[in-house]
Structures are given as C-alpha cells and as structure tokens.
PDB file of N, CA and C in Angstrom:
ATOM      1  N   MET A   1       2.879  10.545 -26.950  1.00  0.00           N
ATOM      2  CA  MET A   1       2.766  10.942 -25.562  1.00  0.00           C
ATOM      3  C   MET A   1       1.430  10.431 -25.021  1.00  0.00           C
ATOM      4  N   ALA A   2       1.458   9.895 -23.816  1.00  0.00           N
ATOM      5  CA  ALA A   2       0.237   9.382 -23.198  1.00  0.00           C
ATOM      6  C   ALA A   2       0.123   9.922 -21.777  1.00  0.00           C
ATOM      7  N   ARG A   3      -1.097  10.101 -21.349  1.00  0.00           N
ATOM      8  CA  ARG A   3      -1.397  10.545 -19.982  1.00  0.00           C
ATOM      9  C   ARG A   3      -1.768   9.294 -19.198  1.00  0.00           C
ATOM     10  N   VAL A   4      -1.075   9.063 -18.077  1.00  0.00           N
ATOM     11  CA  VAL A   4      -1.286   7.828 -17.318  1.00  0.00           C
ATOM     12  C   VAL A   4      -1.688   8.154 -15.884  1.00  0.00           C
ATOM     13  N   GLN A   5      -2.589   7.332 -15.339  1.00  0.00           N
ATOM     14  CA  GLN A   5      -3.010   7.448 -13.945  1.00  0.00           C
ATOM     15  C   GLN A   5      -3.147   6.055 -13.359  1.00  0.00           C
ATOM     16  N   VAL A   6      -2.963   5.989 -12.044  1.00  0.00           N
ATOM     17  CA  VAL A   6      -3.101   4.727 -11.324  1.00  0.00           C
ATOM     18  C   VAL A   6      -4.303   4.847 -10.398  1.00  0.00           C
ATOM     19  N   LEU A   7      -5.138   3.823 -10.400  1.00  0.00           N
ATOM     20  CA  LEU A   7      -6.280   3.755  -9.492  1.00  0.00           C
ATOM     21  C   LEU A   7      -5.839   3.012  -8.241  1.00  0.00           C
ATOM     22  N   TYR A   8      -6.086   3.627  -7.085  1.00  0.00           N
ATOM     23  CA  TYR A   8      -5.690   3.058  -5.797  1.00  0.00           C
ATOM     24  C   TYR A   8      -6.910   2.810  -4.923  1.00  0.00           C
ATOM     25  N   TRP A   9      -6.811   1.781  -4.089  1.00  0.00           N
ATOM     26  CA  TRP A   9      -7.699   1.677  -2.937  1.00  0.00           C
ATOM     27  C   TRP A   9      -6.800   1.996  -1.762  1.00  0.00           C
ATOM     28  N   ARG A  10      -7.068   3.145  -1.158  1.00  0.00           N
ATOM     29  CA  ARG A  10      -6.163   3.719  -0.159  1.00  0.00           C
ATOM     30  C   ARG A  10      -4.777   3.785  -0.778  1.00  0.00           C
ATOM     31  N   GLU A  11      -3.785   3.077  -0.247  1.00  0.00           N
ATOM     32  CA  GLU A  11      -2.434   3.175  -0.818  1.00  0.00           C
ATOM     33  C   GLU A  11      -2.076   2.019  -1.747  1.00  0.00           C
ATOM     34  N   ILE A  12      -3.016   1.136  -2.007  1.00  0.00           N
ATOM     35  CA  ILE A  12      -2.715  -0.051  -2.814  1.00  0.00           C
ATOM     36  C   ILE A  12      -3.126   0.173  -4.270  1.00  0.00           C
ATOM     37  N   PRO A  13      -2.181   0.079  -5.214  1.00  0.00           N
ATOM     38  CA  PRO A  13      -2.539   0.241  -6.621  1.00  0.00           C
ATOM     39  C   PRO A  13      -3.345  -0.952  -7.118  1.00  0.00           C
ATOM     40  N   SER A  14      -4.260  -0.666  -8.040  1.00  0.00           N
ATOM     41  CA  SER A  14      -5.125  -1.719  -8.567  1.00  0.00           C
ATOM     42  C   SER A  14      -5.151  -1.761 -10.096  1.00  0.00           C
ATOM     43  N   LEU A  15      -5.136  -0.585 -10.714  1.00  0.00           N
ATOM     44  CA  LEU A  15      -5.357  -0.485 -12.154  1.00  0.00           C
ATOM     45  C   LEU A  15      -4.541   0.679 -12.704  1.00  0.00           C
ATOM     46  N   VAL A  16      -4.032   0.507 -13.924  1.00  0.00           N
ATOM     47  CA  VAL A  16      -3.316   1.575 -14.622  1.00  0.00           C
ATOM     48  C   VAL A  16      -4.118   1.923 -15.869  1.00  0.00           C
ATOM     49  N   LYS A  17      -4.363   3.230 -16.066  1.00  0.00           N
ATOM     50  CA  LYS A  17      -5.093   3.682 -17.250  1.00  0.00           C
ATOM     51  C   LYS A  17      -4.258   4.736 -17.962  1.00  0.00           C
ATOM     52  N   ALA A  18      -4.112   4.578 -19.270  1.00  0.00           N
ATOM     53  CA  ALA A  18      -3.385   5.555 -20.079  1.00  0.00           C
ATOM     54  C   ALA A  18      -4.248   5.959 -21.266  1.00  0.00           C
ATOM     55  N   THR A  19      -4.220   7.243 -21.593  1.00  0.00           N
ATOM     56  CA  THR A  19      -4.957   7.755 -22.742  1.00  0.00           C
ATOM     57  C   THR A  19      -4.020   8.605 -23.590  1.00  0.00           C
ATOM     58  N   GLY A  20      -4.321   8.657 -24.865  1.00  0.00           N
ATOM     59  CA  GLY A  20      -3.503   9.454 -25.771  1.00  0.00           C
ATOM     60  C   GLY A  20      -4.031   9.343 -27.177  1.00  0.00           C
ATOM     61  N   PRO A  21      -3.234   9.803 -28.149  1.00  0.00           N
ATOM     62  CA  PRO A  21      -3.662   9.759 -29.542  1.00  0.00           C
ATOM     63  C   PRO A  21      -4.016   8.351 -30.023  1.00  0.00           C
ATOM     64  N   GLY A  22      -3.426   7.328 -29.424  1.00  0.00           N
ATOM     65  CA  GLY A  22      -3.701   5.957 -29.835  1.00  0.00           C
ATOM     66  C   GLY A  22      -4.905   5.339 -29.149  1.00  0.00           C
ATOM     67  N   GLY A  23      -5.667   6.154 -28.403  1.00  0.00           N
ATOM     68  CA  GLY A  23      -6.844   5.638 -27.711  1.00  0.00           C
ATOM     69  C   GLY A  23      -6.624   5.536 -26.214  1.00  0.00           C
ATOM     70  N   GLU A  24      -7.173   4.480 -25.626  1.00  0.00           N
ATOM     71  CA  GLU A  24      -7.074   4.266 -24.185  1.00  0.00           C
ATOM     72  C   GLU A  24      -6.672   2.825 -23.915  1.00  0.00           C
ATOM     73  N   ALA A  25      -5.887   2.640 -22.868  1.00  0.00           N
ATOM     74  CA  ALA A  25      -5.483   1.288 -22.470  1.00  0.00           C
ATOM     75  C   ALA A  25      -5.563   1.189 -20.956  1.00  0.00           C
ATOM     76  N   THR A  26      -6.024   0.043 -20.476  1.00  0.00           N
ATOM     77  CA  THR A  26      -6.039  -0.212 -19.039  1.00  0.00           C
ATOM     78  C   THR A  26      -5.353  -1.542 -18.772  1.00  0.00           C
ATOM     79  N   VAL A  27      -4.638  -1.588 -17.656  1.00  0.00           N
ATOM     80  CA  VAL A  27      -3.974  -2.818 -17.230  1.00  0.00           C
ATOM     81  C   VAL A  27      -4.315  -3.026 -15.766  1.00  0.00           C
ATOM     82  N   ARG A  28      -4.944  -4.156 -15.474  1.00  0.00           N
ATOM     83  CA  ARG A  28      -5.216  -4.544 -14.088  1.00  0.00           C
ATOM     84  C   ARG A  28      -3.971  -5.181 -13.505  1.00  0.00           C
ATOM     85  N   LEU A  29      -3.655  -4.818 -12.282  1.00  0.00           N
ATOM     86  CA  LEU A  29      -2.514  -5.443 -11.623  1.00  0.00           C
ATOM     87  C   LEU A  29      -2.898  -6.863 -11.222  1.00  0.00           C
ATOM     88  N   PRO A  30      -1.912  -7.723 -10.953  1.00  0.00           N
ATOM     89  CA  PRO A  30      -2.196  -9.125 -10.626  1.00  0.00           C
ATOM     90  C   PRO A  30      -3.157  -9.287  -9.438  1.00  0.00           C
ATOM     91  N   GLN A  31      -3.752 -10.448  -9.360  1.00  0.00           N
ATOM     92  CA  GLN A  31      -4.758 -10.761  -8.346  1.00  0.00           C
ATOM     93  C   GLN A  31      -4.280 -10.493  -6.923  1.00  0.00           C
ATOM     94  N   ARG A  32      -2.989 -10.642  -6.656  1.00  0.00           N
ATOM     95  CA  ARG A  32      -2.498 -10.433  -5.291  1.00  0.00           C
ATOM     96  C   ARG A  32      -2.732  -9.008  -4.811  1.00  0.00           C
ATOM     97  N   PHE A  33      -2.804  -8.049  -5.728  1.00  0.00           N
ATOM     98  CA  PHE A  33      -3.102  -6.672  -5.339  1.00  0.00           C
ATOM     99  C   PHE A  33      -4.555  -6.561  -4.874  1.00  0.00           C
ATOM    100  N   GLN A  34      -5.475  -7.197  -5.600  1.00  0.00           N
ATOM    101  CA  GLN A  34      -6.880  -7.178  -5.185  1.00  0.00           C
ATOM    102  C   GLN A  34      -7.048  -7.908  -3.856  1.00  0.00           C
ATOM    103  N   GLU A  35      -6.307  -8.984  -3.675  1.00  0.00           N
ATOM    104  CA  GLU A  35      -6.366  -9.709  -2.401  1.00  0.00           C
ATOM    105  C   GLU A  35      -5.871  -8.834  -1.255  1.00  0.00           C
ATOM    106  N   ALA A  36      -4.813  -8.053  -1.502  1.00  0.00           N
ATOM    107  CA  ALA A  36      -4.309  -7.133  -0.473  1.00  0.00           C
ATOM    108  C   ALA A  36      -5.347  -6.059  -0.166  1.00  0.00           C
ATOM    109  N   ILE A  37      -6.027  -5.567  -1.199  1.00  0.00           N
ATOM    110  CA  ILE A  37      -7.092  -4.577  -1.000  1.00  0.00           C
ATOM    111  C   ILE A  37      -8.201  -5.171  -0.145  1.00  0.00           C
ATOM    112  N   ASP A  38      -8.638  -6.369  -0.490  1.00  0.00           N
ATOM    113  CA  ASP A  38      -9.711  -7.018   0.268  1.00  0.00           C
ATOM    114  C   ASP A  38      -9.312  -7.249   1.717  1.00  0.00           C
ATOM    115  N   ASP A  39      -8.079  -7.713   1.933  1.00  0.00           N
ATOM    116  CA  ASP A  39      -7.591  -7.949   3.299  1.00  0.00           C
ATOM    117  C   ASP A  39      -7.563  -6.657   4.102  1.00  0.00           C
ATOM    118  N   LEU A  40      -7.039  -5.591   3.490  1.00  0.00           N
ATOM    119  CA  LEU A  40      -6.946  -4.317   4.194  1.00  0.00           C
ATOM    120  C   LEU A  40      -8.332  -3.735   4.460  1.00  0.00           C
ATOM    121  N   ALA A  41      -9.229  -3.876   3.506  1.00  0.00           N
ATOM    122  CA  ALA A  41     -10.596  -3.375   3.700  1.00  0.00           C
ATOM    123  C   ALA A  41     -11.263  -4.071   4.881  1.00  0.00           C
ATOM    124  N   MET A  42     -11.092  -5.370   4.964  1.00  0.00           N
ATOM    125  CA  MET A  42     -11.673  -6.112   6.088  1.00  0.00           C
ATOM    126  C   MET A  42     -11.025  -5.686   7.404  1.00  0.00           C
ATOM    127  N   ALA A  43      -9.708  -5.557   7.418  1.00  0.00           N
ATOM    128  CA  ALA A  43      -8.991  -5.171   8.637  1.00  0.00           C
ATOM    129  C   ALA A  43      -9.364  -3.757   9.079  1.00  0.00           C
ATOM    130  N   ALA A  44      -9.655  -2.882   8.107  1.00  0.00           N
ATOM    131  CA  ALA A  44      -9.999  -1.493   8.413  1.00  0.00           C
ATOM    132  C   ALA A  44     -11.485  -1.320   8.701  1.00  0.00           C
ATOM    133  N   GLY A  45     -12.243  -2.405   8.600  1.00  0.00           N
ATOM    134  CA  GLY A  45     -13.680  -2.321   8.836  1.00  0.00           C
ATOM    135  C   GLY A  45     -14.431  -1.655   7.700  1.00  0.00           C
ATOM    136  N   ALA A  46     -13.848  -1.651   6.513  1.00  0.00           N
ATOM    137  CA  ALA A  46     -14.478  -1.031   5.344  1.00  0.00           C
ATOM    138  C   ALA A  46     -15.175  -2.090   4.504  1.00  0.00           C
ATOM    139  N   SER A  47     -15.909  -2.961   5.170  1.00  0.00           N
ATOM    140  CA  SER A  47     -16.541  -4.059   4.444  1.00  0.00           C
ATOM    141  C   SER A  47     -17.901  -3.683   3.866  1.00  0.00           C
ATOM    142  N   ASP A  48     -18.528  -2.590   4.355  1.00  0.00           N
ATOM    143  CA  ASP A  48     -19.790  -2.196   3.729  1.00  0.00           C
ATOM    144  C   ASP A  48     -19.481  -1.404   2.463  1.00  0.00           C
ATOM    145  N   GLN A  49     -20.426  -1.389   1.550  1.00  0.00           N
ATOM    146  CA  GLN A  49     -20.193  -0.835   0.214  1.00  0.00           C
ATOM    147  C   GLN A  49     -19.744   0.623   0.241  1.00  0.00           C
ATOM    148  N   ASP A  50     -20.385   1.468   1.036  1.00  0.00           N
ATOM    149  CA  ASP A  50     -20.028   2.888   1.060  1.00  0.00           C
ATOM    150  C   ASP A  50     -18.596   3.100   1.542  1.00  0.00           C
ATOM    151  N   ALA A  51     -18.219   2.443   2.625  1.00  0.00           N
ATOM    152  CA  ALA A  51     -16.862   2.592   3.164  1.00  0.00           C
ATOM    153  C   ALA A  51     -15.837   2.076   2.159  1.00  0.00           C
ATOM    154  N   TYR A  52     -16.158   0.974   1.491  1.00  0.00           N
ATOM    155  CA  TYR A  52     -15.249   0.405   0.497  1.00  0.00           C
ATOM    156  C   TYR A  52     -15.075   1.372  -0.677  1.00  0.00           C
ATOM    157  N   LEU A  53     -16.170   1.909  -1.172  1.00  0.00           N
ATOM    158  CA  LEU A  53     -16.110   2.816  -2.323  1.00  0.00           C
ATOM    159  C   LEU A  53     -15.372   4.108  -1.997  1.00  0.00           C
ATOM    160  N   GLU A  54     -15.454   4.573  -0.760  1.00  0.00           N
ATOM    161  CA  GLU A  54     -14.760   5.799  -0.364  1.00  0.00           C
ATOM    162  C   GLU A  54     -13.240   5.646  -0.419  1.00  0.00           C
ATOM    163  N   GLY A  55     -12.750   4.417  -0.384  1.00  0.00           N
ATOM    164  CA  GLY A  55     -11.309   4.188  -0.395  1.00  0.00           C
ATOM    165  C   GLY A  55     -10.659   4.330  -1.759  1.00  0.00           C
ATOM    166  N   TRP A  56     -11.447   4.375  -2.828  1.00  0.00           N
ATOM    167  CA  TRP A  56     -10.887   4.433  -4.185  1.00  0.00           C
ATOM    168  C   TRP A  56     -10.558   5.860  -4.587  1.00  0.00           C
ATOM    169  N   ARG A  57      -9.397   6.024  -5.248  1.00  0.00           N
ATOM    170  CA  ARG A  57      -9.003   7.334  -5.769  1.00  0.00           C
ATOM    171  C   ARG A  57      -8.018   7.145  -6.921  1.00  0.00           C
ATOM    172  N   TRP A  58      -8.028   8.116  -7.804  1.00  0.00           N
ATOM    173  CA  TRP A  58      -7.041   8.147  -8.884  1.00  0.00           C
ATOM    174  C   TRP A  58      -5.820   8.916  -8.411  1.00  0.00           C
ATOM    175  N   GLY A  59      -4.647   8.394  -8.702  1.00  0.00           N
ATOM    176  CA  GLY A  59      -3.407   9.101  -8.415  1.00  0.00           C
ATOM    177  C   GLY A  59      -3.240  10.239  -9.405  1.00  0.00           C
ATOM    178  N   PRO A  60      -2.203  11.048  -9.217  1.00  0.00           N
ATOM    179  CA  PRO A  60      -1.974  12.174 -10.123  1.00  0.00           C
ATOM    180  C   PRO A  60      -1.666  11.701 -11.546  1.00  0.00           C
ATOM    181  N   ALA A  61      -2.090  12.503 -12.501  1.00  0.00           N
ATOM    182  CA  ALA A  61      -1.815  12.199 -13.909  1.00  0.00           C
ATOM    183  C   ALA A  61      -0.359  12.524 -14.215  1.00  0.00           C
ATOM    184  N   GLU A  62       0.200  11.727 -15.103  1.00  0.00           N
ATOM    185  CA  GLU A  62       1.596  11.903 -15.500  1.00  0.00           C
ATOM    186  C   GLU A  62       1.682  11.699 -17.009  1.00  0.00           C
ATOM    187  N   GLU A  63       2.488  12.496 -17.668  1.00  0.00           N
ATOM    188  CA  GLU A  63       2.712  12.347 -19.107  1.00  0.00           C
ATOM    189  C   GLU A  63       3.944  11.483 -19.331  1.00  0.00           C
ATOM    190  N   ARG A  64       3.812  10.528 -20.253  1.00  0.00           N
ATOM    191  CA  ARG A  64       4.949   9.654 -20.589  1.00  0.00           C
ATOM    192  C   ARG A  64       5.009   9.464 -22.096  1.00  0.00           C
ATOM    193  N   GLN A  65       6.214   9.209 -22.573  1.00  0.00           N
ATOM    194  CA  GLN A  65       6.422   8.922 -23.991  1.00  0.00           C
ATOM    195  C   GLN A  65       5.899   7.528 -24.310  1.00  0.00           C
ATOM    196  N   GLY A  66       5.251   7.388 -25.451  1.00  0.00           N
ATOM    197  CA  GLY A  66       4.782   6.094 -25.918  1.00  0.00           C
ATOM    198  C   GLY A  66       3.289   6.087 -26.156  1.00  0.00           C
ATOM    199  N   SER A  67       2.819   4.996 -26.714  1.00  0.00           N
ATOM    200  CA  SER A  67       1.385   4.832 -26.944  1.00  0.00           C
ATOM    201  C   SER A  67       0.709   4.523 -25.611  1.00  0.00           C
ATOM    202  N   PRO A  68      -0.616   4.704 -25.522  1.00  0.00           N
ATOM    203  CA  PRO A  68      -1.308   4.353 -24.283  1.00  0.00           C
ATOM    204  C   PRO A  68      -1.054   2.902 -23.860  1.00  0.00           C
ATOM    205  N   GLN A  69      -1.014   1.988 -24.815  1.00  0.00           N
ATOM    206  CA  GLN A  69      -0.784   0.583 -24.499  1.00  0.00           C
ATOM    207  C   GLN A  69       0.608   0.368 -23.904  1.00  0.00           C
ATOM    208  N   GLU A  70       1.610   0.991 -24.527  1.00  0.00           N
ATOM    209  CA  GLU A  70       2.992   0.856 -24.040  1.00  0.00           C
ATOM    210  C   GLU A  70       3.155   1.467 -22.654  1.00  0.00           C
ATOM    211  N   VAL A  71       2.577   2.634 -22.466  1.00  0.00           N
ATOM    212  CA  VAL A  71       2.719   3.347 -21.195  1.00  0.00           C
ATOM    213  C   VAL A  71       1.998   2.606 -20.074  1.00  0.00           C
ATOM    214  N   ALA A  72       0.770   2.159 -20.314  1.00  0.00           N
ATOM    215  CA  ALA A  72       0.025   1.429 -19.279  1.00  0.00           C
ATOM    216  C   ALA A  72       0.771   0.159 -18.882  1.00  0.00           C
ATOM    217  N   ALA A  73       1.284  -0.561 -19.860  1.00  0.00           N
ATOM    218  CA  ALA A  73       2.022  -1.796 -19.570  1.00  0.00           C
ATOM    219  C   ALA A  73       3.301  -1.499 -18.787  1.00  0.00           C
ATOM    220  N   ALA A  74       4.012  -0.434 -19.159  1.00  0.00           N
ATOM    221  CA  ALA A  74       5.265  -0.087 -18.480  1.00  0.00           C
ATOM    222  C   ALA A  74       5.016   0.314 -17.029  1.00  0.00           C
ATOM    223  N   VAL A  75       3.999   1.122 -16.782  1.00  0.00           N
ATOM    224  CA  VAL A  75       3.699   1.556 -15.414  1.00  0.00           C
ATOM    225  C   VAL A  75       3.246   0.365 -14.576  1.00  0.00           C
ATOM    226  N   ALA A  76       2.443  -0.516 -15.146  1.00  0.00           N
ATOM    227  CA  ALA A  76       2.013  -1.716 -14.411  1.00  0.00           C
ATOM    228  C   ALA A  76       3.223  -2.566 -14.030  1.00  0.00           C
ATOM    229  N   LYS A  77       4.161  -2.734 -14.951  1.00  0.00           N
ATOM    230  CA  LYS A  77       5.372  -3.512 -14.650  1.00  0.00           C
ATOM    231  C   LYS A  77       6.203  -2.845 -13.559  1.00  0.00           C
ATOM    232  N   GLU A  78       6.286  -1.517 -13.600  1.00  0.00           N
ATOM    233  CA  GLU A  78       7.020  -0.788 -12.555  1.00  0.00           C
ATOM    234  C   GLU A  78       6.387  -1.019 -11.183  1.00  0.00           C
ATOM    235  N   LEU A  79       5.066  -0.925 -11.115  1.00  0.00           N
ATOM    236  CA  LEU A  79       4.372  -1.141  -9.838  1.00  0.00           C
ATOM    237  C   LEU A  79       4.574  -2.569  -9.342  1.00  0.00           C
ATOM    238  N   GLU A  80       4.470  -3.533 -10.258  1.00  0.00           N
ATOM    239  CA  GLU A  80       4.696  -4.932  -9.878  1.00  0.00           C
ATOM    240  C   GLU A  80       6.117  -5.134  -9.370  1.00  0.00           C
ATOM    241  N   ALA A  81       7.094  -4.525 -10.035  1.00  0.00           N
ATOM    242  CA  ALA A  81       8.493  -4.693  -9.630  1.00  0.00           C
ATOM    243  C   ALA A  81       8.739  -4.104  -8.247  1.00  0.00           C
ATOM    244  N   VAL A  82       8.214  -2.932  -7.992  1.00  0.00           N
ATOM    245  CA  VAL A  82       8.390  -2.303  -6.679  1.00  0.00           C
ATOM    246  C   VAL A  82       7.776  -3.181  -5.599  1.00  0.00           C
ATOM    247  N   HIS A  83       6.589  -3.650  -5.833  1.00  0.00           N
ATOM    248  CA  HIS A  83       5.899  -4.445  -4.819  1.00  0.00           C
ATOM    249  C   HIS A  83       6.467  -5.852  -4.711  1.00  0.00           C
ATOM    250  N   ARG A  84       7.027  -6.382  -5.767  1.00  0.00           N
ATOM    251  CA  ARG A  84       7.663  -7.702  -5.708  1.00  0.00           C
ATOM    252  C   ARG A  84       8.966  -7.613  -4.924  1.00  0.00           C
ATOM    253  N   THR A  85       9.728  -6.551  -5.147  1.00  0.00           N
ATOM    254  CA  THR A  85      11.010  -6.370  -4.473  1.00  0.00           C
ATOM    255  C   THR A  85      10.827  -6.168  -2.979  1.00  0.00           C
ATOM    256  N   LEU A  86       9.895  -5.330  -2.607  1.00  0.00           N
ATOM    257  CA  LEU A  86       9.688  -5.008  -1.200  1.00  0.00           C
ATOM    258  C   LEU A  86       8.790  -6.013  -0.500  1.00  0.00           C
ATOM    259  N   GLY A  87       7.971  -6.697  -1.239  1.00  0.00           N
ATOM    260  CA  GLY A  87       7.044  -7.668  -0.673  1.00  0.00           C
ATOM    261  C   GLY A  87       5.726  -7.015  -0.316  1.00  0.00           C
ATOM    262  N   VAL A  88       4.649  -7.476  -0.912  1.00  0.00           N
ATOM    263  CA  VAL A  88       3.338  -6.878  -0.674  1.00  0.00           C
ATOM    264  C   VAL A  88       2.993  -6.832   0.808  1.00  0.00           C
ATOM    265  N   PRO A  89       3.181  -7.911   1.590  1.00  0.00           N
ATOM    266  CA  PRO A  89       2.822  -7.808   3.008  1.00  0.00           C
ATOM    267  C   PRO A  89       3.601  -6.717   3.739  1.00  0.00           C
ATOM    268  N   ASP A  90       4.880  -6.529   3.410  1.00  0.00           N
ATOM    269  CA  ASP A  90       5.679  -5.499   4.065  1.00  0.00           C
ATOM    270  C   ASP A  90       5.155  -4.102   3.753  1.00  0.00           C
ATOM    271  N   ILE A  91       4.810  -3.869   2.509  1.00  0.00           N
ATOM    272  CA  ILE A  91       4.345  -2.554   2.088  1.00  0.00           C
ATOM    273  C   ILE A  91       3.026  -2.212   2.753  1.00  0.00           C
ATOM    274  N   PHE A  92       2.147  -3.172   2.819  1.00  0.00           N
ATOM    275  CA  PHE A  92       0.804  -2.899   3.294  1.00  0.00           C
ATOM    276  C   PHE A  92       0.623  -3.192   4.772  1.00  0.00           C
ATOM    277  N   GLY A  93       1.723  -3.423   5.483  1.00  0.00           N
ATOM    278  CA  GLY A  93       1.648  -3.601   6.920  1.00  0.00           C
ATOM    279  C   GLY A  93       0.981  -4.887   7.357  1.00  0.00           C
ATOM    280  N   ARG A  94       1.063  -5.911   6.517  1.00  0.00           N
ATOM    281  CA  ARG A  94       0.425  -7.182   6.851  1.00  0.00           C
ATOM    282  C   ARG A  94       1.471  -8.265   7.055  1.00  0.00           C
ATOM    283  N   ALA A  95       2.694  -7.896   7.377  1.00  0.00           N
ATOM    284  CA  ALA A  95       3.774  -8.892   7.522  1.00  0.00           C
ATOM    285  C   ALA A  95       3.586  -9.714   8.784  1.00  0.00           C
TER     286      ALA A  95
END
C-alpha cells in the first residue's frame, strides 16, 4: 500500500509523489505540463516569485495498492491520459 499525492500549480498537475514501505518515489509529468504552468502564470500575472510560489499546493492524499514506484508511475500515466484525451489547451483554457 502506498500513499500518493499530486503537486499542482493552481489546477495544473506537475509532480506525483508516493510513499510507503518501499520508500518514496516521485514522477515529474512531461514538459508540456510545466509549459502550461508557465503560460498560465504569465497570463495570470503571477510572474514574481511570491505570486508564483503561492500557486503551488499538494492535492489530497490517497491510498493505493502497490509499491511507491508502481503507484507514482500509475497516477502519472492516468494524469497524462486524461490531459492527452481532453487536450492540455482545452483543460487550461488556452485553446
């Protein structure tokens, strides 16, 4: 069993972290997510360091079956699939 959380900048996921008996694992989402974060930060006027840092938050923790490595990888793939299907620009209002 592993405890998993997603790090978001506002509503955009950036990183998946899982912890459990097997240690800790983190998976960074692909570069296009960071690019979406940067674009939204600029559009929202959050280009100074304090405003940018205020946008980061951890999502709720969730328990999942598997090692931290397996769980982090699975959640990252789920996030990528959702955003690939819907299209990152559509989700983040940049269409």
